[in-house]
Amino acid sequence: MRHSKYLLFISLTAIGCKPVAYFNTPNDVFKKEAVVHLLNGTVKKGEISIQFETGYGTSNFISLKNGAAEEKIAIDSVISYSVGDEHYYLKKVDIDLNGSEKLLFVKMLTKENSRIKLYELFEQKKQSTDGQDHFSYFISLPTHDRLQTWNTGSRNLVPNFDEKMSKIVEDCPALANKIRQNSKGYFITGLMLSNQKKVEVLLRIINEYDDCH
C-alpha cells in the first residue's frame, strides 16, 4: 500500500510539473497540435492554447508554441484553426438570443465551399449557469461578413421558418418550395427541442442548396 501511494505521489508530481495537453472545447484548449490560418494568408503550426472559457487567459490573443518559442497571436488576425480533421472558425455568436455577441471559435459542420455554413458551439457544464453541457448552432449566409452568424433559434429563422428559409434559398425554386410547403425533413419549429433534428434539417437544406443548378 505504501509503495502504491509513493507511485501515485510521483505521478501527480510529474503531472504538476508538466501539464497535460487537452482539448475541452474549441475555446478551452491547452497545447494541442494545431494548424492556424491567418487573415494575411499565413499558415502556422504548433501547440495551440486558447483560454477564453477558463478566466486565466485573455480573449484578445491565442498562444502558439513551437519548441521553446511561444507566440501570442492577436485574435482579430485569425480566420480559423484545425486540430486533426476538425476545423474551428472565429465568429461573432449571440448565444443567449439577447443581442449580446461574443467572439468565439465554433466548429464547422458543413463543407468548406458550402454556400450556407453551419457551425456548432459547445460549452462545458462548468461554464453554464444551469450546470449542463450546452450545444448551440449558428449559420452564416453568403451575404454575411466574415464574422457574422445567426443563431438557429433567432428571429431570423423562427418562427415562420418556412417563409424565412425559403426566401434565403429562393434562387433554388424546387428547394424553396419544399421548405414553403413544410415538407417532411425541411421544416423547423420553435418547439423543436432536439438539436439533432434541427441539424439534420439544416444540413439537408444546405447540401441540397449546394447541389442546386
N, C-alpha and C. Protein backbone atom coordinates (compact mmCIF):
# COMPACT_ATOMS: atom_id res chain seq x y z
N MET A 1 0.84 -1.21 0.00
CA MET A 1 0.00 0.00 0.00
C MET A 1 0.87 1.26 0.00
N ARG A 2 1.93 1.20 0.85
CA ARG A 2 2.83 2.35 0.94
C ARG A 2 3.52 2.60 -0.41
N HIS A 3 3.90 1.48 -1.07
CA HIS A 3 4.55 1.59 -2.37
C HIS A 3 3.61 2.20 -3.41
N SER A 4 2.33 1.82 -3.38
CA SER A 4 1.32 2.35 -4.31
C SER A 4 1.14 3.84 -4.09
N LYS A 5 1.09 4.25 -2.82
CA LYS A 5 0.93 5.68 -2.52
C LYS A 5 2.12 6.47 -3.02
N TYR A 6 3.31 5.87 -2.93
CA TYR A 6 4.52 6.55 -3.40
C TYR A 6 4.47 6.74 -4.92
N LEU A 7 4.04 5.71 -5.64
CA LEU A 7 3.92 5.81 -7.09
C LEU A 7 2.88 6.86 -7.48
N LEU A 8 1.78 6.91 -6.74
CA LEU A 8 0.74 7.90 -7.01
C LEU A 8 1.28 9.29 -6.80
N PHE A 9 2.06 9.48 -5.73
CA PHE A 9 2.64 10.79 -5.46
C PHE A 9 3.58 11.21 -6.58
N ILE A 10 4.41 10.26 -7.06
CA ILE A 10 5.34 10.56 -8.14
C ILE A 10 4.58 10.95 -9.40
N SER A 11 3.49 10.23 -9.68
CA SER A 11 2.69 10.51 -10.89
C SER A 11 2.07 11.89 -10.82
N LEU A 12 1.50 12.21 -9.67
CA LEU A 12 0.86 13.52 -9.51
C LEU A 12 1.89 14.64 -9.58
N THR A 13 3.06 14.40 -9.04
CA THR A 13 4.13 15.39 -9.09
C THR A 13 4.55 15.65 -10.53
N ALA A 14 4.65 14.56 -11.30
CA ALA A 14 5.04 14.69 -12.71
C ALA A 14 4.01 15.47 -13.49
N ILE A 15 2.74 15.17 -13.20
CA ILE A 15 1.66 15.90 -13.88
C ILE A 15 1.70 17.38 -13.51
N GLY A 16 1.99 17.64 -12.21
CA GLY A 16 2.04 19.03 -11.76
C GLY A 16 3.16 19.81 -12.42
N CYS A 17 4.27 19.12 -12.72
CA CYS A 17 5.40 19.79 -13.34
C CYS A 17 5.18 20.04 -14.82
N LYS A 18 4.46 19.13 -15.46
CA LYS A 18 4.24 19.26 -16.90
C LYS A 18 2.76 19.04 -17.21
N PRO A 19 1.97 20.11 -17.27
CA PRO A 19 0.54 19.99 -17.51
C PRO A 19 0.25 19.20 -18.79
N VAL A 20 -0.76 18.36 -18.72
CA VAL A 20 -1.12 17.52 -19.85
C VAL A 20 -1.92 18.34 -20.87
N ALA A 21 -1.57 18.16 -22.15
CA ALA A 21 -2.31 18.84 -23.21
C ALA A 21 -3.75 18.35 -23.20
N TYR A 22 -4.69 19.26 -23.52
CA TYR A 22 -6.10 18.86 -23.55
C TYR A 22 -6.88 19.70 -24.55
N PHE A 23 -8.04 19.18 -24.92
CA PHE A 23 -9.00 19.90 -25.75
C PHE A 23 -10.36 19.68 -25.11
N ASN A 24 -10.84 20.66 -24.35
CA ASN A 24 -12.16 20.54 -23.72
C ASN A 24 -13.26 21.06 -24.64
N THR A 25 -13.04 22.24 -25.18
CA THR A 25 -13.96 22.85 -26.14
C THR A 25 -13.09 23.65 -27.12
N PRO A 26 -13.67 24.15 -28.21
CA PRO A 26 -12.88 24.98 -29.14
C PRO A 26 -12.29 26.23 -28.50
N ASN A 27 -12.82 26.61 -27.33
CA ASN A 27 -12.37 27.83 -26.67
C ASN A 27 -11.68 27.57 -25.34
N ASP A 28 -11.40 26.30 -25.07
CA ASP A 28 -10.64 25.90 -23.89
C ASP A 28 -9.71 24.76 -24.31
N VAL A 29 -8.55 25.18 -24.80
CA VAL A 29 -7.58 24.25 -25.38
C VAL A 29 -6.21 24.54 -24.77
N PHE A 30 -5.43 23.48 -24.54
CA PHE A 30 -4.10 23.69 -23.97
C PHE A 30 -3.08 22.80 -24.68
N LYS A 31 -2.18 23.45 -25.41
CA LYS A 31 -1.03 22.80 -26.04
C LYS A 31 -1.40 21.59 -26.90
N LYS A 32 -2.42 21.76 -27.75
CA LYS A 32 -2.76 20.72 -28.72
C LYS A 32 -2.15 21.07 -30.07
N GLU A 33 -1.64 20.08 -30.76
CA GLU A 33 -1.06 20.31 -32.08
C GLU A 33 -2.14 20.83 -33.02
N ALA A 34 -1.89 21.94 -33.66
CA ALA A 34 -2.91 22.59 -34.48
C ALA A 34 -2.29 23.31 -35.66
N VAL A 35 -3.15 23.65 -36.60
CA VAL A 35 -2.78 24.48 -37.75
C VAL A 35 -3.65 25.72 -37.70
N VAL A 36 -3.03 26.89 -37.73
CA VAL A 36 -3.75 28.16 -37.61
C VAL A 36 -3.69 28.91 -38.93
N HIS A 37 -4.86 29.37 -39.39
CA HIS A 37 -4.94 30.14 -40.65
C HIS A 37 -5.20 31.61 -40.32
N LEU A 38 -4.35 32.48 -40.84
CA LEU A 38 -4.45 33.91 -40.54
C LEU A 38 -5.02 34.68 -41.73
N LEU A 39 -5.51 35.87 -41.45
CA LEU A 39 -6.13 36.71 -42.48
C LEU A 39 -5.17 37.07 -43.61
N ASN A 40 -3.90 37.19 -43.31
CA ASN A 40 -2.93 37.58 -44.33
C ASN A 40 -2.48 36.41 -45.20
N GLY A 41 -3.11 35.24 -45.00
CA GLY A 41 -2.77 34.06 -45.80
C GLY A 41 -1.72 33.16 -45.18
N THR A 42 -1.14 33.59 -44.08
CA THR A 42 -0.11 32.79 -43.41
C THR A 42 -0.73 31.58 -42.72
N VAL A 43 -0.05 30.46 -42.78
CA VAL A 43 -0.46 29.24 -42.07
C VAL A 43 0.63 28.90 -41.06
N LYS A 44 0.25 28.77 -39.81
CA LYS A 44 1.22 28.48 -38.74
C LYS A 44 0.86 27.16 -38.07
N LYS A 45 1.88 26.41 -37.69
CA LYS A 45 1.69 25.14 -36.98
C LYS A 45 2.36 25.21 -35.61
N GLY A 46 1.78 24.51 -34.65
CA GLY A 46 2.36 24.47 -33.32
C GLY A 46 1.36 23.98 -32.31
N GLU A 47 1.70 24.12 -31.04
CA GLU A 47 0.81 23.72 -29.94
C GLU A 47 -0.04 24.92 -29.56
N ILE A 48 -1.33 24.81 -29.81
CA ILE A 48 -2.23 25.95 -29.59
C ILE A 48 -2.82 25.92 -28.18
N SER A 49 -2.93 27.09 -27.58
CA SER A 49 -3.61 27.24 -26.29
C SER A 49 -4.61 28.38 -26.42
N ILE A 50 -5.85 28.12 -26.05
CA ILE A 50 -6.92 29.12 -26.06
C ILE A 50 -7.64 29.01 -24.73
N GLN A 51 -7.71 30.12 -24.00
CA GLN A 51 -8.25 30.08 -22.65
C GLN A 51 -9.43 31.04 -22.49
N PHE A 52 -10.31 31.07 -23.47
CA PHE A 52 -11.43 32.01 -23.43
C PHE A 52 -12.47 31.64 -22.38
N GLU A 53 -12.51 30.37 -21.97
CA GLU A 53 -13.55 29.92 -21.03
C GLU A 53 -13.05 29.76 -19.61
N THR A 54 -11.75 29.80 -19.40
CA THR A 54 -11.22 29.46 -18.09
C THR A 54 -11.09 30.65 -17.15
N GLY A 55 -10.99 31.85 -17.73
CA GLY A 55 -10.78 33.02 -16.89
C GLY A 55 -9.31 33.29 -16.63
N TYR A 56 -8.43 32.38 -17.08
CA TYR A 56 -7.00 32.55 -16.84
C TYR A 56 -6.30 33.29 -17.97
N GLY A 57 -6.87 33.20 -19.16
CA GLY A 57 -6.22 33.82 -20.30
C GLY A 57 -6.90 35.11 -20.72
N THR A 58 -6.50 35.60 -21.86
CA THR A 58 -7.10 36.82 -22.41
C THR A 58 -7.92 36.46 -23.62
N SER A 59 -8.96 37.24 -23.89
CA SER A 59 -9.79 36.99 -25.06
C SER A 59 -9.25 37.71 -26.29
N ASN A 60 -8.10 38.37 -26.15
CA ASN A 60 -7.52 39.12 -27.26
C ASN A 60 -6.45 38.36 -28.03
N PHE A 61 -5.95 37.27 -27.45
CA PHE A 61 -4.85 36.54 -28.06
C PHE A 61 -5.05 35.04 -27.91
N ILE A 62 -4.44 34.30 -28.84
CA ILE A 62 -4.25 32.87 -28.66
C ILE A 62 -2.75 32.64 -28.61
N SER A 63 -2.35 31.49 -28.10
CA SER A 63 -0.92 31.18 -27.97
C SER A 63 -0.58 30.01 -28.88
N LEU A 64 0.58 30.10 -29.54
CA LEU A 64 1.07 29.02 -30.39
C LEU A 64 2.53 28.76 -30.03
N LYS A 65 2.81 27.53 -29.60
CA LYS A 65 4.15 27.19 -29.10
C LYS A 65 4.87 26.26 -30.06
N ASN A 66 6.10 26.58 -30.36
CA ASN A 66 6.98 25.74 -31.16
C ASN A 66 8.29 25.56 -30.41
N GLY A 67 8.49 24.37 -29.84
CA GLY A 67 9.67 24.17 -29.02
C GLY A 67 9.66 25.10 -27.82
N ALA A 68 10.74 25.85 -27.65
CA ALA A 68 10.81 26.78 -26.52
C ALA A 68 10.17 28.13 -26.85
N ALA A 69 9.90 28.36 -28.14
CA ALA A 69 9.35 29.65 -28.56
C ALA A 69 7.83 29.64 -28.48
N GLU A 70 7.28 30.68 -27.88
CA GLU A 70 5.82 30.80 -27.76
C GLU A 70 5.40 32.15 -28.35
N GLU A 71 4.43 32.11 -29.26
CA GLU A 71 3.98 33.31 -29.97
C GLU A 71 2.55 33.64 -29.56
N LYS A 72 2.33 34.91 -29.26
CA LYS A 72 0.97 35.40 -29.00
C LYS A 72 0.42 35.95 -30.30
N ILE A 73 -0.73 35.45 -30.72
CA ILE A 73 -1.33 35.86 -31.98
C ILE A 73 -2.63 36.62 -31.69
N ALA A 74 -2.71 37.84 -32.19
CA ALA A 74 -3.91 38.65 -31.98
C ALA A 74 -5.13 37.96 -32.57
N ILE A 75 -6.20 37.89 -31.81
CA ILE A 75 -7.39 37.15 -32.22
C ILE A 75 -8.00 37.73 -33.49
N ASP A 76 -7.90 39.05 -33.68
CA ASP A 76 -8.52 39.65 -34.86
C ASP A 76 -7.74 39.39 -36.15
N SER A 77 -6.62 38.66 -36.04
CA SER A 77 -5.86 38.29 -37.24
C SER A 77 -6.09 36.83 -37.63
N VAL A 78 -6.93 36.13 -36.87
CA VAL A 78 -7.15 34.69 -37.07
C VAL A 78 -8.44 34.44 -37.83
N ILE A 79 -8.37 33.56 -38.83
CA ILE A 79 -9.59 33.09 -39.51
C ILE A 79 -10.09 31.83 -38.83
N SER A 80 -9.20 30.85 -38.66
CA SER A 80 -9.61 29.55 -38.12
C SER A 80 -8.40 28.78 -37.64
N TYR A 81 -8.68 27.67 -36.98
CA TYR A 81 -7.61 26.71 -36.68
C TYR A 81 -8.19 25.31 -36.80
N SER A 82 -7.33 24.35 -36.97
CA SER A 82 -7.79 22.97 -37.07
C SER A 82 -6.96 22.09 -36.15
N VAL A 83 -7.63 21.10 -35.56
CA VAL A 83 -6.99 20.05 -34.77
C VAL A 83 -7.42 18.73 -35.39
N GLY A 84 -6.49 18.01 -35.95
CA GLY A 84 -6.86 16.80 -36.69
C GLY A 84 -7.70 17.18 -37.90
N ASP A 85 -8.84 16.53 -38.04
CA ASP A 85 -9.72 16.78 -39.18
C ASP A 85 -10.81 17.81 -38.89
N GLU A 86 -10.84 18.34 -37.67
CA GLU A 86 -11.90 19.28 -37.29
C GLU A 86 -11.42 20.72 -37.46
N HIS A 87 -12.32 21.57 -37.96
CA HIS A 87 -11.99 22.97 -38.22
C HIS A 87 -12.86 23.89 -37.37
N TYR A 88 -12.23 24.90 -36.80
CA TYR A 88 -12.91 25.82 -35.89
C TYR A 88 -12.69 27.25 -36.38
N TYR A 89 -13.80 27.95 -36.59
CA TYR A 89 -13.75 29.29 -37.16
C TYR A 89 -14.11 30.34 -36.11
N LEU A 90 -13.44 31.47 -36.18
CA LEU A 90 -13.75 32.58 -35.30
C LEU A 90 -15.00 33.30 -35.80
N LYS A 91 -16.01 33.41 -34.94
CA LYS A 91 -17.27 34.03 -35.33
C LYS A 91 -17.86 34.83 -34.17
N LYS A 92 -18.68 35.80 -34.53
CA LYS A 92 -19.49 36.50 -33.53
C LYS A 92 -20.77 35.71 -33.33
N VAL A 93 -21.04 35.32 -32.10
CA VAL A 93 -22.21 34.47 -31.83
C VAL A 93 -23.06 35.07 -30.72
N ASP A 94 -24.36 35.07 -30.95
CA ASP A 94 -25.33 35.51 -29.95
C ASP A 94 -25.88 34.24 -29.30
N ILE A 95 -25.27 33.83 -28.21
CA ILE A 95 -25.60 32.55 -27.59
C ILE A 95 -26.95 32.60 -26.89
N ASP A 96 -27.22 33.68 -26.18
CA ASP A 96 -28.42 33.76 -25.34
C ASP A 96 -29.59 34.47 -26.01
N LEU A 97 -29.45 34.76 -27.31
CA LEU A 97 -30.53 35.39 -28.08
C LEU A 97 -30.97 36.71 -27.46
N ASN A 98 -30.00 37.47 -26.95
CA ASN A 98 -30.32 38.75 -26.33
C ASN A 98 -29.62 39.92 -27.01
N GLY A 99 -29.00 39.65 -28.18
CA GLY A 99 -28.31 40.71 -28.90
C GLY A 99 -26.88 40.93 -28.47
N SER A 100 -26.44 40.20 -27.43
CA SER A 100 -25.06 40.35 -26.95
C SER A 100 -24.19 39.30 -27.63
N GLU A 101 -23.26 39.75 -28.48
CA GLU A 101 -22.44 38.83 -29.24
C GLU A 101 -21.08 38.62 -28.60
N LYS A 102 -20.58 37.39 -28.71
CA LYS A 102 -19.25 37.05 -28.23
C LYS A 102 -18.42 36.57 -29.41
N LEU A 103 -17.13 36.83 -29.34
CA LEU A 103 -16.21 36.39 -30.38
C LEU A 103 -15.59 35.07 -29.90
N LEU A 104 -16.03 33.97 -30.54
CA LEU A 104 -15.60 32.64 -30.11
C LEU A 104 -15.32 31.75 -31.31
N PHE A 105 -14.62 30.65 -31.06
CA PHE A 105 -14.39 29.66 -32.10
C PHE A 105 -15.53 28.65 -32.10
N VAL A 106 -16.03 28.35 -33.29
CA VAL A 106 -17.12 27.39 -33.44
C VAL A 106 -16.71 26.33 -34.47
N LYS A 107 -17.21 25.12 -34.27
CA LYS A 107 -16.87 24.01 -35.15
C LYS A 107 -17.72 24.07 -36.42
N MET A 108 -17.07 23.97 -37.59
CA MET A 108 -17.82 23.99 -38.84
C MET A 108 -18.32 22.59 -39.17
N LEU A 109 -19.62 22.48 -39.42
CA LEU A 109 -20.24 21.20 -39.70
C LEU A 109 -20.47 20.97 -41.18
N THR A 110 -20.32 22.01 -41.97
CA THR A 110 -20.55 21.90 -43.41
C THR A 110 -19.24 21.87 -44.18
N LYS A 111 -19.35 21.66 -45.47
CA LYS A 111 -18.16 21.67 -46.32
C LYS A 111 -17.60 23.09 -46.43
N GLU A 112 -16.32 23.16 -46.71
CA GLU A 112 -15.64 24.45 -46.83
C GLU A 112 -16.28 25.34 -47.89
N ASN A 113 -16.73 24.73 -48.98
CA ASN A 113 -17.29 25.50 -50.08
C ASN A 113 -18.81 25.60 -50.08
N SER A 114 -19.45 25.22 -48.98
CA SER A 114 -20.91 25.34 -48.89
C SER A 114 -21.33 26.80 -48.96
N ARG A 115 -22.43 27.05 -49.63
CA ARG A 115 -22.91 28.43 -49.76
C ARG A 115 -23.44 28.96 -48.43
N ILE A 116 -24.11 28.10 -47.70
CA ILE A 116 -24.54 28.41 -46.34
C ILE A 116 -23.71 27.55 -45.40
N LYS A 117 -23.13 28.15 -44.37
CA LYS A 117 -22.29 27.40 -43.42
C LYS A 117 -23.08 27.17 -42.13
N LEU A 118 -22.87 26.00 -41.54
CA LEU A 118 -23.48 25.67 -40.25
C LEU A 118 -22.36 25.41 -39.25
N TYR A 119 -22.48 26.02 -38.06
CA TYR A 119 -21.46 25.91 -37.03
C TYR A 119 -22.07 25.44 -35.71
N GLU A 120 -21.22 24.78 -34.92
CA GLU A 120 -21.63 24.30 -33.60
C GLU A 120 -20.74 24.91 -32.53
N LEU A 121 -21.35 25.39 -31.46
CA LEU A 121 -20.63 25.87 -30.29
C LEU A 121 -20.91 24.94 -29.12
N PHE A 122 -19.86 24.37 -28.56
CA PHE A 122 -20.01 23.52 -27.37
C PHE A 122 -19.48 24.27 -26.16
N GLU A 123 -20.31 24.29 -25.11
CA GLU A 123 -19.92 24.92 -23.85
C GLU A 123 -19.98 23.87 -22.75
N GLN A 124 -18.91 23.79 -21.95
CA GLN A 124 -18.87 22.83 -20.86
C GLN A 124 -19.86 23.20 -19.76
N LYS A 125 -20.33 22.18 -19.06
CA LYS A 125 -21.29 22.41 -18.00
C LYS A 125 -20.74 23.29 -16.88
N LYS A 126 -19.42 23.24 -16.67
CA LYS A 126 -18.85 24.05 -15.60
C LYS A 126 -18.89 25.54 -15.92
N GLN A 127 -19.12 25.87 -17.21
CA GLN A 127 -19.19 27.27 -17.61
C GLN A 127 -20.63 27.76 -17.72
N SER A 128 -21.61 26.86 -17.65
CA SER A 128 -23.00 27.26 -17.85
C SER A 128 -23.68 27.53 -16.51
N THR A 129 -24.73 28.35 -16.56
CA THR A 129 -25.43 28.74 -15.32
C THR A 129 -26.25 27.61 -14.73
N ASP A 130 -26.69 26.65 -15.57
CA ASP A 130 -27.52 25.55 -15.06
C ASP A 130 -26.74 24.25 -14.84
N GLY A 131 -25.42 24.31 -15.01
CA GLY A 131 -24.60 23.13 -14.76
C GLY A 131 -24.76 22.03 -15.78
N GLN A 132 -25.18 22.37 -16.99
CA GLN A 132 -25.37 21.39 -18.05
C GLN A 132 -24.48 21.74 -19.24
N ASP A 133 -24.08 20.69 -19.98
CA ASP A 133 -23.38 20.93 -21.24
C ASP A 133 -24.36 21.55 -22.23
N HIS A 134 -23.87 22.48 -23.04
CA HIS A 134 -24.74 23.16 -23.99
C HIS A 134 -24.16 23.12 -25.40
N PHE A 135 -25.04 22.87 -26.36
CA PHE A 135 -24.69 22.95 -27.77
C PHE A 135 -25.58 24.02 -28.41
N SER A 136 -24.97 24.97 -29.10
CA SER A 136 -25.71 25.99 -29.84
C SER A 136 -25.27 25.92 -31.29
N TYR A 137 -26.20 26.33 -32.19
CA TYR A 137 -25.91 26.21 -33.62
C TYR A 137 -26.16 27.54 -34.32
N PHE A 138 -25.31 27.81 -35.31
CA PHE A 138 -25.33 29.10 -35.99
C PHE A 138 -25.11 28.88 -37.49
N ILE A 139 -25.72 29.75 -38.29
CA ILE A 139 -25.47 29.70 -39.73
C ILE A 139 -24.90 31.03 -40.19
N SER A 140 -24.16 30.98 -41.28
CA SER A 140 -23.73 32.20 -41.94
C SER A 140 -24.13 32.10 -43.40
N LEU A 141 -24.57 33.20 -43.97
CA LEU A 141 -25.07 33.26 -45.33
C LEU A 141 -24.03 33.90 -46.25
N PRO A 142 -24.18 33.71 -47.55
CA PRO A 142 -23.23 34.34 -48.49
C PRO A 142 -23.20 35.86 -48.37
N THR A 143 -24.30 36.45 -47.89
CA THR A 143 -24.37 37.91 -47.75
C THR A 143 -23.76 38.41 -46.44
N HIS A 144 -23.42 37.52 -45.53
CA HIS A 144 -22.85 37.92 -44.24
C HIS A 144 -21.38 38.30 -44.39
N ASP A 145 -20.92 39.15 -43.47
CA ASP A 145 -19.48 39.43 -43.44
C ASP A 145 -18.75 38.25 -42.79
N ARG A 146 -17.44 38.34 -42.70
CA ARG A 146 -16.62 37.19 -42.28
C ARG A 146 -17.01 36.64 -40.91
N LEU A 147 -17.37 37.49 -39.99
CA LEU A 147 -17.62 37.07 -38.62
C LEU A 147 -19.10 36.87 -38.28
N GLN A 148 -19.97 37.33 -39.13
CA GLN A 148 -21.40 37.34 -38.81
C GLN A 148 -22.03 35.96 -38.85
N THR A 149 -22.90 35.68 -37.88
CA THR A 149 -23.69 34.46 -37.86
C THR A 149 -25.10 34.78 -37.35
N TRP A 150 -26.01 33.85 -37.59
CA TRP A 150 -27.34 33.87 -36.97
C TRP A 150 -27.48 32.64 -36.10
N ASN A 151 -27.93 32.84 -34.89
CA ASN A 151 -28.31 31.71 -34.05
C ASN A 151 -29.52 31.02 -34.70
N THR A 152 -29.50 29.70 -34.79
CA THR A 152 -30.60 29.00 -35.47
C THR A 152 -31.91 29.09 -34.71
N GLY A 153 -31.85 29.59 -33.48
CA GLY A 153 -33.08 29.80 -32.72
C GLY A 153 -33.53 31.25 -32.73
N SER A 154 -32.85 32.09 -33.53
CA SER A 154 -33.16 33.52 -33.53
C SER A 154 -34.37 33.84 -34.39
N ARG A 155 -34.84 35.07 -34.29
CA ARG A 155 -35.99 35.50 -35.06
C ARG A 155 -35.70 35.61 -36.55
N ASN A 156 -34.43 35.51 -36.90
CA ASN A 156 -34.10 35.50 -38.32
C ASN A 156 -34.59 34.23 -39.00
N LEU A 157 -34.83 33.18 -38.18
CA LEU A 157 -35.24 31.89 -38.74
C LEU A 157 -36.55 31.35 -38.18
N VAL A 158 -36.81 31.57 -36.91
CA VAL A 158 -38.06 31.10 -36.30
C VAL A 158 -38.66 32.21 -35.45
N PRO A 159 -40.01 32.28 -35.37
CA PRO A 159 -40.97 31.40 -36.04
C PRO A 159 -41.03 31.67 -37.55
N ASN A 160 -41.95 30.97 -38.21
CA ASN A 160 -42.15 31.10 -39.67
C ASN A 160 -40.90 30.70 -40.44
N PHE A 161 -40.28 29.59 -40.02
CA PHE A 161 -39.10 29.08 -40.71
C PHE A 161 -39.39 28.86 -42.18
N ASP A 162 -40.61 28.41 -42.50
CA ASP A 162 -40.95 28.11 -43.90
C ASP A 162 -40.82 29.35 -44.78
N GLU A 163 -41.26 30.49 -44.27
CA GLU A 163 -41.19 31.73 -45.03
C GLU A 163 -39.76 32.27 -45.10
N LYS A 164 -39.09 32.29 -43.96
CA LYS A 164 -37.77 32.91 -43.86
C LYS A 164 -36.69 32.10 -44.59
N MET A 165 -36.70 30.78 -44.41
CA MET A 165 -35.67 29.98 -45.04
C MET A 165 -35.90 29.84 -46.54
N SER A 166 -37.17 29.74 -46.94
CA SER A 166 -37.45 29.63 -48.37
C SER A 166 -37.02 30.90 -49.11
N LYS A 167 -37.09 32.03 -48.42
CA LYS A 167 -36.64 33.30 -49.00
C LYS A 167 -35.13 33.29 -49.21
N ILE A 168 -34.40 32.70 -48.26
CA ILE A 168 -32.94 32.65 -48.35
C ILE A 168 -32.49 31.84 -49.56
N VAL A 169 -33.23 30.76 -49.85
CA VAL A 169 -32.82 29.86 -50.95
C VAL A 169 -33.74 30.02 -52.16
N GLU A 170 -34.32 31.19 -52.32
CA GLU A 170 -35.31 31.39 -53.38
C GLU A 170 -34.74 31.22 -54.79
N ASP A 171 -33.41 31.31 -54.92
CA ASP A 171 -32.81 31.09 -56.24
C ASP A 171 -32.71 29.60 -56.59
N CYS A 172 -33.21 28.75 -55.68
CA CYS A 172 -33.35 27.32 -55.94
C CYS A 172 -34.83 26.97 -55.73
N PRO A 173 -35.68 27.20 -56.74
CA PRO A 173 -37.13 27.11 -56.59
C PRO A 173 -37.64 25.77 -56.04
N ALA A 174 -37.06 24.67 -56.49
CA ALA A 174 -37.52 23.36 -56.03
C ALA A 174 -37.32 23.20 -54.53
N LEU A 175 -36.16 23.62 -54.05
CA LEU A 175 -35.87 23.54 -52.62
C LEU A 175 -36.73 24.52 -51.84
N ALA A 176 -36.83 25.74 -52.33
CA ALA A 176 -37.64 26.75 -51.65
C ALA A 176 -39.09 26.28 -51.51
N ASN A 177 -39.59 25.59 -52.52
CA ASN A 177 -40.96 25.10 -52.49
C ASN A 177 -41.14 24.02 -51.42
N LYS A 178 -40.15 23.13 -51.27
CA LYS A 178 -40.22 22.10 -50.23
C LYS A 178 -40.29 22.73 -48.85
N ILE A 179 -39.49 23.76 -48.65
CA ILE A 179 -39.47 24.44 -47.35
C ILE A 179 -40.79 25.17 -47.11
N ARG A 180 -41.27 25.85 -48.14
CA ARG A 180 -42.50 26.63 -48.03
C ARG A 180 -43.71 25.75 -47.72
N GLN A 181 -43.68 24.53 -48.22
CA GLN A 181 -44.79 23.60 -48.01
C GLN A 181 -44.61 22.74 -46.75
N ASN A 182 -43.58 23.03 -45.98
CA ASN A 182 -43.29 22.27 -44.77
C ASN A 182 -43.18 20.77 -45.04
N SER A 183 -42.51 20.44 -46.14
CA SER A 183 -42.31 19.04 -46.48
C SER A 183 -41.52 18.34 -45.37
N LYS A 184 -41.75 17.06 -45.20
CA LYS A 184 -41.08 16.31 -44.15
C LYS A 184 -39.57 16.40 -44.31
N GLY A 185 -38.90 16.77 -43.24
CA GLY A 185 -37.45 16.90 -43.26
C GLY A 185 -36.95 18.25 -43.71
N TYR A 186 -37.89 19.20 -43.93
CA TYR A 186 -37.49 20.52 -44.43
C TYR A 186 -38.06 21.66 -43.59
N PHE A 187 -38.46 21.38 -42.37
CA PHE A 187 -39.01 22.46 -41.55
C PHE A 187 -38.52 22.36 -40.11
N ILE A 188 -38.46 23.52 -39.47
CA ILE A 188 -38.08 23.65 -38.06
C ILE A 188 -39.11 24.54 -37.38
N THR A 189 -39.52 24.17 -36.19
CA THR A 189 -40.41 25.00 -35.41
C THR A 189 -39.71 25.44 -34.13
N GLY A 190 -40.24 26.49 -33.51
CA GLY A 190 -39.68 26.96 -32.27
C GLY A 190 -39.82 25.96 -31.14
N LEU A 191 -40.72 24.98 -31.31
CA LEU A 191 -40.96 23.96 -30.29
C LEU A 191 -40.10 22.72 -30.48
N MET A 192 -39.32 22.69 -31.55
CA MET A 192 -38.45 21.54 -31.81
C MET A 192 -37.29 21.58 -30.83
N LEU A 193 -37.27 20.64 -29.90
CA LEU A 193 -36.28 20.66 -28.83
C LEU A 193 -35.00 19.90 -29.20
N SER A 194 -35.09 18.97 -30.10
CA SER A 194 -33.94 18.14 -30.44
C SER A 194 -32.96 18.87 -31.35
N ASN A 195 -31.75 19.11 -30.84
CA ASN A 195 -30.72 19.73 -31.66
C ASN A 195 -30.36 18.85 -32.85
N GLN A 196 -30.39 17.53 -32.62
CA GLN A 196 -30.05 16.61 -33.69
C GLN A 196 -31.00 16.76 -34.88
N LYS A 197 -32.29 16.91 -34.59
CA LYS A 197 -33.28 17.08 -35.66
C LYS A 197 -33.05 18.39 -36.40
N LYS A 198 -32.78 19.46 -35.66
CA LYS A 198 -32.52 20.75 -36.29
C LYS A 198 -31.31 20.68 -37.21
N VAL A 199 -30.25 20.05 -36.72
CA VAL A 199 -29.03 19.93 -37.52
C VAL A 199 -29.29 19.10 -38.77
N GLU A 200 -30.06 18.03 -38.64
CA GLU A 200 -30.39 17.19 -39.79
C GLU A 200 -31.14 17.99 -40.85
N VAL A 201 -32.12 18.78 -40.41
CA VAL A 201 -32.91 19.59 -41.35
C VAL A 201 -32.02 20.62 -42.04
N LEU A 202 -31.22 21.32 -41.27
CA LEU A 202 -30.38 22.37 -41.84
C LEU A 202 -29.33 21.80 -42.80
N LEU A 203 -28.72 20.68 -42.43
CA LEU A 203 -27.73 20.08 -43.31
C LEU A 203 -28.37 19.57 -44.60
N ARG A 204 -29.58 19.06 -44.50
CA ARG A 204 -30.30 18.60 -45.70
C ARG A 204 -30.55 19.78 -46.64
N ILE A 205 -30.99 20.88 -46.08
CA ILE A 205 -31.26 22.07 -46.89
C ILE A 205 -29.97 22.63 -47.49
N ILE A 206 -28.94 22.72 -46.67
CA ILE A 206 -27.65 23.27 -47.13
C ILE A 206 -27.06 22.42 -48.24
N ASN A 207 -27.06 21.11 -48.07
CA ASN A 207 -26.49 20.22 -49.08
C ASN A 207 -27.29 20.28 -50.39
N GLU A 208 -28.61 20.35 -50.27
CA GLU A 208 -29.43 20.42 -51.48
C GLU A 208 -29.25 21.77 -52.17
N TYR A 209 -29.06 22.81 -51.38
CA TYR A 209 -28.82 24.13 -51.95
C TYR A 209 -27.50 24.15 -52.71
N ASP A 210 -26.48 23.47 -52.14
CA ASP A 210 -25.19 23.39 -52.83
C ASP A 210 -25.30 22.66 -54.16
N ASP A 211 -26.19 21.67 -54.22
CA ASP A 211 -26.33 20.86 -55.44
C ASP A 211 -27.30 21.45 -56.45
N CYS A 212 -27.92 22.55 -56.08
CA CYS A 212 -28.93 23.16 -56.97
C CYS A 212 -28.25 23.89 -58.13
N HIS A 213 -28.73 23.66 -59.33
CA HIS A 213 -28.13 24.32 -60.50
C HIS A 213 -29.21 25.10 -61.27
